[in-house]
């Protein structure tokens, strides 16, 4: 069994080992949220938009893709339809919210002048026996070979306090691409549609070597917690958005009993390497 880690699970452990336990060992489900589902929908439209010839990539064309992409996503994950129950299944308000985010994107980037080398690109590499994997929303490659890694976020850009988490995810992708292709991405670009802002960063070799050390240290800490059973909570402002707060001992809750195979579950690559869309 080869160890594997995705940026989502790495971020869970960095935020709170107890959250990692809830998601990886206890496998507690997180109900779909409107924000996450809308983010998935917008990501899907932005991917499909580049199937069109450059001259046809207009706001109207993007908005026109919303209904068909929603229908496809709802077929793949019927639970999404439950989010519309309070609106009697109506999609008008839902689609309008997605359309507004798409219009914001057109104010930040011009798709008629972009020809992505890859969209929803699966990336994977191995670092000292640990497989790192993820999905890059968009990879742009200049004629000279310079790479730009682009990630769409449908929320607002974070405060300085939380910006490091978003940049870690991008450096994770950059590290994997560097080890895969032998070239350090020139630019990492986070496109925030919630408040119309682009956050860009230019990594260098020392940055990515530091990220590599951090990822390896994270995995060692996960293995240590798996052995000791010590998944202590790390209370923070993020607790306000945690689906499992009621079970957390930091807030007076009682977690489920650890299963007998907790140690093996904690490092199961099928779960620790699971890649999710971070909207």
Protein backbone atom coordinates (compact mmCIF):
# COMPACT_ATOMS: atom_id res chain seq x y z
CA UNK A 1 0.00 0.00 0.00
CA UNK A 2 1.59 3.25 -1.18
CA UNK A 3 0.93 6.28 1.04
CA UNK A 4 -0.95 9.12 -0.66
CA UNK A 5 -1.93 12.66 0.26
CA UNK A 6 -4.11 15.27 -1.39
CA UNK A 7 -4.04 19.00 -0.61
CA UNK A 8 -7.56 18.69 0.88
CA UNK A 9 -6.52 16.12 3.48
CA UNK A 10 -3.23 17.93 4.15
CA UNK A 11 -5.21 21.12 4.81
CA UNK A 12 -7.58 19.22 7.14
CA UNK A 13 -4.72 18.00 9.32
CA UNK A 14 -3.01 21.40 9.35
CA UNK A 15 -6.27 23.06 10.39
CA UNK A 16 -7.23 20.50 13.03
CA UNK A 17 -6.14 16.88 13.59
CA UNK A 18 -9.60 16.15 15.03
CA UNK A 19 -11.20 17.32 11.77
CA UNK A 20 -8.86 14.98 9.88
CA UNK A 21 -9.97 12.16 12.18
CA UNK A 22 -13.67 12.92 11.66
CA UNK A 23 -13.28 12.89 7.87
CA UNK A 24 -10.72 10.13 7.35
CA UNK A 25 -11.20 7.69 10.23
CA UNK A 26 -14.83 8.21 11.28
CA UNK A 27 -15.82 9.06 7.69
CA UNK A 28 -18.49 11.46 8.89
CA UNK A 29 -20.35 12.91 5.91
CA UNK A 30 -20.48 16.62 5.27
CA UNK A 31 -23.85 17.61 3.80
CA UNK A 32 -23.60 19.50 0.50
CA UNK A 33 -23.90 23.25 0.91
CA UNK A 34 -25.31 25.79 -1.50
CA UNK A 35 -21.97 27.58 -1.70
CA UNK A 36 -20.07 24.38 -2.51
CA UNK A 37 -22.63 23.22 -5.07
CA UNK A 38 -22.66 26.62 -6.76
CA UNK A 39 -18.87 26.52 -6.81
CA UNK A 40 -18.90 23.09 -8.47
CA UNK A 41 -21.36 24.39 -11.07
CA UNK A 42 -19.27 27.46 -11.89
CA UNK A 43 -16.10 25.35 -12.14
CA UNK A 44 -17.88 23.03 -14.59
CA UNK A 45 -19.04 25.92 -16.78
CA UNK A 46 -15.58 27.50 -16.85
CA UNK A 47 -14.11 24.18 -17.94
CA UNK A 48 -16.68 23.67 -20.72
CA UNK A 49 -16.46 27.25 -21.97
CA UNK A 50 -13.04 26.56 -23.49
CA UNK A 51 -14.54 23.86 -25.71
CA UNK A 52 -15.93 26.75 -27.77
CA UNK A 53 -13.91 28.64 -30.39
CA UNK A 54 -12.23 31.72 -28.88
CA UNK A 55 -14.56 34.19 -30.59
CA UNK A 56 -17.63 32.47 -29.11
CA UNK A 57 -16.47 32.58 -25.49
CA UNK A 58 -18.83 35.31 -24.35
CA UNK A 59 -20.68 36.03 -21.14
CA UNK A 60 -23.89 34.96 -22.83
CA UNK A 61 -22.36 31.66 -23.91
CA UNK A 62 -21.11 30.97 -20.39
CA UNK A 63 -24.49 31.76 -18.83
CA UNK A 64 -26.09 29.57 -21.47
CA UNK A 65 -24.07 26.59 -20.23
CA UNK A 66 -25.33 26.87 -16.65
CA UNK A 67 -28.57 24.90 -17.09
CA UNK A 68 -27.03 21.99 -18.98
CA UNK A 69 -24.07 21.70 -16.60
CA UNK A 70 -26.43 21.79 -13.61
CA UNK A 71 -28.49 18.98 -15.14
CA UNK A 72 -25.35 16.89 -15.67
CA UNK A 73 -24.05 17.48 -12.14
CA UNK A 74 -27.45 16.74 -10.59
CA UNK A 75 -27.57 13.40 -12.42
CA UNK A 76 -24.11 12.53 -11.09
CA UNK A 77 -24.94 13.64 -7.54
CA UNK A 78 -28.71 13.68 -6.88
CA UNK A 79 -28.13 15.05 -3.35
CA UNK A 80 -27.55 18.42 -4.99
CA UNK A 81 -31.23 18.59 -5.83
CA UNK A 82 -32.05 18.57 -2.12
CA UNK A 83 -30.46 22.02 -1.85
CA UNK A 84 -33.33 23.42 -3.87
CA UNK A 85 -36.07 21.88 -1.73
CA UNK A 86 -36.80 25.13 0.09
CA UNK A 87 -37.29 26.79 -3.30
CA UNK A 88 -39.71 24.07 -4.46
CA UNK A 89 -37.05 22.85 -6.89
CA UNK A 90 -36.92 26.15 -8.76
CA UNK A 91 -33.54 26.95 -10.27
CA UNK A 92 -34.01 30.59 -11.33
CA UNK A 93 -32.40 32.12 -8.24
CA UNK A 94 -29.75 29.38 -8.20
CA UNK A 95 -28.78 29.97 -11.81
CA UNK A 96 -28.77 33.74 -11.34
CA UNK A 97 -26.18 33.40 -8.56
CA UNK A 98 -23.95 31.28 -10.79
CA UNK A 99 -24.40 33.72 -13.69
CA UNK A 100 -23.34 36.62 -11.48
CA UNK A 101 -20.09 34.85 -10.57
CA UNK A 102 -19.41 34.07 -14.22
CA UNK A 103 -19.94 37.72 -15.16
CA UNK A 104 -17.41 38.67 -12.47
CA UNK A 105 -14.89 36.29 -14.01
CA UNK A 106 -15.20 37.95 -17.41
CA UNK A 107 -14.16 41.20 -15.71
CA UNK A 108 -10.97 39.54 -14.46
CA UNK A 109 -9.89 37.41 -17.43
CA UNK A 110 -10.58 37.46 -21.15
CA UNK A 111 -11.21 33.90 -22.39
CA UNK A 112 -11.00 34.99 -26.03
CA UNK A 113 -7.26 35.55 -25.44
CA UNK A 114 -6.64 32.34 -23.49
CA UNK A 115 -5.91 28.87 -24.81
CA UNK A 116 -5.36 26.67 -21.75
CA UNK A 117 -2.93 23.80 -22.16
CA UNK A 118 -4.96 21.78 -19.67
CA UNK A 119 -8.26 21.98 -17.79
CA UNK A 120 -9.10 19.95 -14.68
CA UNK A 121 -5.64 18.42 -14.99
CA UNK A 122 -4.91 15.44 -12.75
CA UNK A 123 -1.37 15.69 -11.38
CA UNK A 124 0.56 13.11 -9.37
CA UNK A 125 4.10 12.51 -8.25
CA UNK A 126 5.93 10.48 -5.61
CA UNK A 127 8.20 12.03 -2.98
CA UNK A 128 10.16 9.54 -0.88
CA UNK A 129 7.39 6.95 -0.99
CA UNK A 130 4.54 9.43 -0.53
CA UNK A 131 2.26 10.00 -3.53
CA UNK A 132 1.01 13.57 -3.91
CA UNK A 133 -2.01 14.10 -6.12
CA UNK A 134 -4.56 16.72 -7.04
CA UNK A 135 -6.52 18.46 -9.79
CA UNK A 136 -5.44 21.80 -11.28
CA UNK A 137 -8.37 23.91 -12.52
CA UNK A 138 -6.39 25.36 -15.41
CA UNK A 139 -2.83 25.22 -16.65
CA UNK A 140 -1.64 27.88 -19.10
CA UNK A 141 1.65 27.30 -20.91
CA UNK A 142 3.40 30.14 -22.77
CA UNK A 143 5.21 29.51 -26.09
CA UNK A 144 8.52 29.57 -24.18
CA UNK A 145 7.28 26.88 -21.77
CA UNK A 146 6.49 29.07 -18.74
CA UNK A 147 3.56 27.63 -16.77
CA UNK A 148 0.76 29.46 -14.98
CA UNK A 149 -1.34 27.47 -12.53
CA UNK A 150 -4.85 28.91 -12.15
CA UNK A 151 -7.39 28.03 -9.46
CA UNK A 152 -10.94 29.41 -9.39
CA UNK A 153 -12.51 30.30 -6.06
CA UNK A 154 -16.18 31.29 -5.94
CA UNK A 155 -15.86 32.76 -2.46
CA UNK A 156 -14.14 35.94 -1.34
CA UNK A 157 -10.40 36.32 -1.04
CA UNK A 158 -9.26 35.44 2.49
CA UNK A 159 -7.75 37.76 5.05
CA UNK A 160 -4.01 37.58 5.58
CA UNK A 161 -4.64 35.15 8.44
CA UNK A 162 -6.12 32.54 6.08
CA UNK A 163 -4.25 33.36 2.86
CA UNK A 164 -1.41 30.96 3.69
CA UNK A 165 -3.82 28.00 3.48
CA UNK A 166 -4.86 28.89 -0.07
CA UNK A 167 -1.26 29.49 -1.13
CA UNK A 168 -0.22 26.14 0.38
CA UNK A 169 -2.66 24.38 -1.94
CA UNK A 170 -1.16 26.19 -4.95
CA UNK A 171 2.42 25.47 -3.84
CA UNK A 172 1.38 21.81 -3.45
CA UNK A 173 0.29 21.77 -7.11
CA UNK A 174 3.45 23.61 -8.16
CA UNK A 175 5.61 21.06 -6.33
CA UNK A 176 3.87 18.16 -8.08
CA UNK A 177 4.23 19.83 -11.50
CA UNK A 178 7.89 20.60 -10.84
CA UNK A 179 8.62 16.98 -9.90
CA UNK A 180 6.57 15.76 -12.88
CA UNK A 181 7.90 18.07 -15.56
CA UNK A 182 11.18 19.41 -14.23
CA UNK A 183 9.96 23.00 -14.57
CA UNK A 184 8.91 25.32 -11.74
CA UNK A 185 5.63 27.09 -12.58
CA UNK A 186 6.24 30.77 -13.21
CA UNK A 187 3.00 32.00 -11.62
CA UNK A 188 0.36 30.69 -9.24
CA UNK A 189 -2.95 32.51 -9.65
CA UNK A 190 -6.01 32.37 -7.41
CA UNK A 191 -9.07 33.93 -9.03
CA UNK A 192 -11.62 34.98 -6.40
CA UNK A 193 -15.05 35.57 -7.91
CA UNK A 194 -16.74 36.46 -4.63
CA UNK A 195 -15.06 39.87 -4.50
CA UNK A 196 -13.46 40.14 -7.95
CA UNK A 197 -9.82 39.77 -6.95
CA UNK A 198 -6.78 37.93 -8.29
CA UNK A 199 -4.07 36.82 -5.88
CA UNK A 200 -0.83 35.88 -7.66
CA UNK A 201 2.41 34.41 -6.41
CA UNK A 202 5.69 33.52 -8.14
CA UNK A 203 7.33 30.53 -6.47
CA UNK A 204 11.02 29.69 -6.59
CA UNK A 205 13.00 26.54 -5.88
CA UNK A 206 13.44 27.33 -2.19
CA UNK A 207 9.66 27.82 -1.85
CA UNK A 208 8.93 24.42 -3.32
CA UNK A 209 11.68 22.63 -1.41
CA UNK A 210 10.15 24.14 1.74
CA UNK A 211 6.71 22.90 0.66
CA UNK A 212 8.14 19.45 0.07
CA UNK A 213 9.65 19.38 3.58
CA UNK A 214 6.35 20.57 5.03
CA UNK A 215 4.33 17.88 3.24
CA UNK A 216 6.71 15.14 4.39
CA UNK A 217 6.58 16.44 7.96
CA UNK A 218 2.77 16.53 7.79
CA UNK A 219 2.65 12.91 6.71
CA UNK A 220 5.01 11.92 9.53
CA UNK A 221 2.73 13.72 11.99
CA UNK A 222 -0.31 11.91 10.55
CA UNK A 223 1.46 8.56 10.91
CA UNK A 224 2.41 9.42 14.50
CA UNK A 225 -1.19 10.36 15.35
CA UNK A 226 -2.37 7.12 13.73
CA UNK A 227 -0.03 5.15 16.00
CA UNK A 228 -0.83 7.01 19.22
CA UNK A 229 -4.52 7.69 18.58
CA UNK A 230 -3.93 11.32 19.58
CA UNK A 231 -6.17 13.43 17.33
CA UNK A 232 -6.37 16.52 19.49
CA UNK A 233 -8.56 19.42 18.30
CA UNK A 234 -7.13 22.77 17.33
CA UNK A 235 -9.85 25.36 18.08
CA UNK A 236 -9.91 28.38 15.81
CA UNK A 237 -12.30 30.69 13.98
CA UNK A 238 -12.75 27.90 11.43
CA UNK A 239 -14.73 25.98 14.05
CA UNK A 240 -17.70 28.24 13.27
CA UNK A 241 -18.01 26.51 9.88
CA UNK A 242 -17.21 22.95 10.95
CA UNK A 243 -19.95 20.38 10.27
CA UNK A 244 -18.80 18.28 13.22
CA UNK A 245 -18.47 20.88 15.96
CA UNK A 246 -21.18 19.22 18.09
CA UNK A 247 -18.99 16.10 18.37
CA UNK A 248 -15.74 17.94 19.11
CA UNK A 249 -14.36 17.76 22.67
CA UNK A 250 -13.09 21.34 22.33
CA UNK A 251 -16.76 22.38 22.30
CA UNK A 252 -18.11 19.94 24.87
CA UNK A 253 -18.90 17.16 22.41
CA UNK A 254 -18.05 13.48 22.44
CA UNK A 255 -16.49 11.92 19.33
CA UNK A 256 -17.56 8.44 18.25
CA UNK A 257 -15.43 5.60 19.71
CA UNK A 258 -12.30 5.01 17.63
CA UNK A 259 -12.83 1.95 15.43
CA UNK A 260 -10.49 -1.01 15.96
CA UNK A 261 -8.85 -0.37 12.57
CA UNK A 262 -8.41 3.37 13.20
CA UNK A 263 -4.63 3.26 12.64
CA UNK A 264 -4.96 1.75 9.17
CA UNK A 265 -7.90 3.98 8.24
CA UNK A 266 -5.84 7.06 9.12
CA UNK A 267 -3.33 6.32 6.35
CA UNK A 268 -5.62 4.61 3.83
CA UNK A 269 -4.54 6.09 0.46
CA UNK A 270 -8.06 5.72 -0.92
CA UNK A 271 -9.15 8.36 1.60
CA UNK A 272 -6.01 10.38 2.36
CA UNK A 273 -5.37 10.83 -1.34
CA UNK A 274 -8.97 11.70 -2.18
CA UNK A 275 -9.09 14.82 -4.33
CA UNK A 276 -11.95 17.27 -3.90
CA UNK A 277 -12.96 20.47 -5.69
CA UNK A 278 -12.24 23.40 -3.41
CA UNK A 279 -14.71 26.04 -4.51
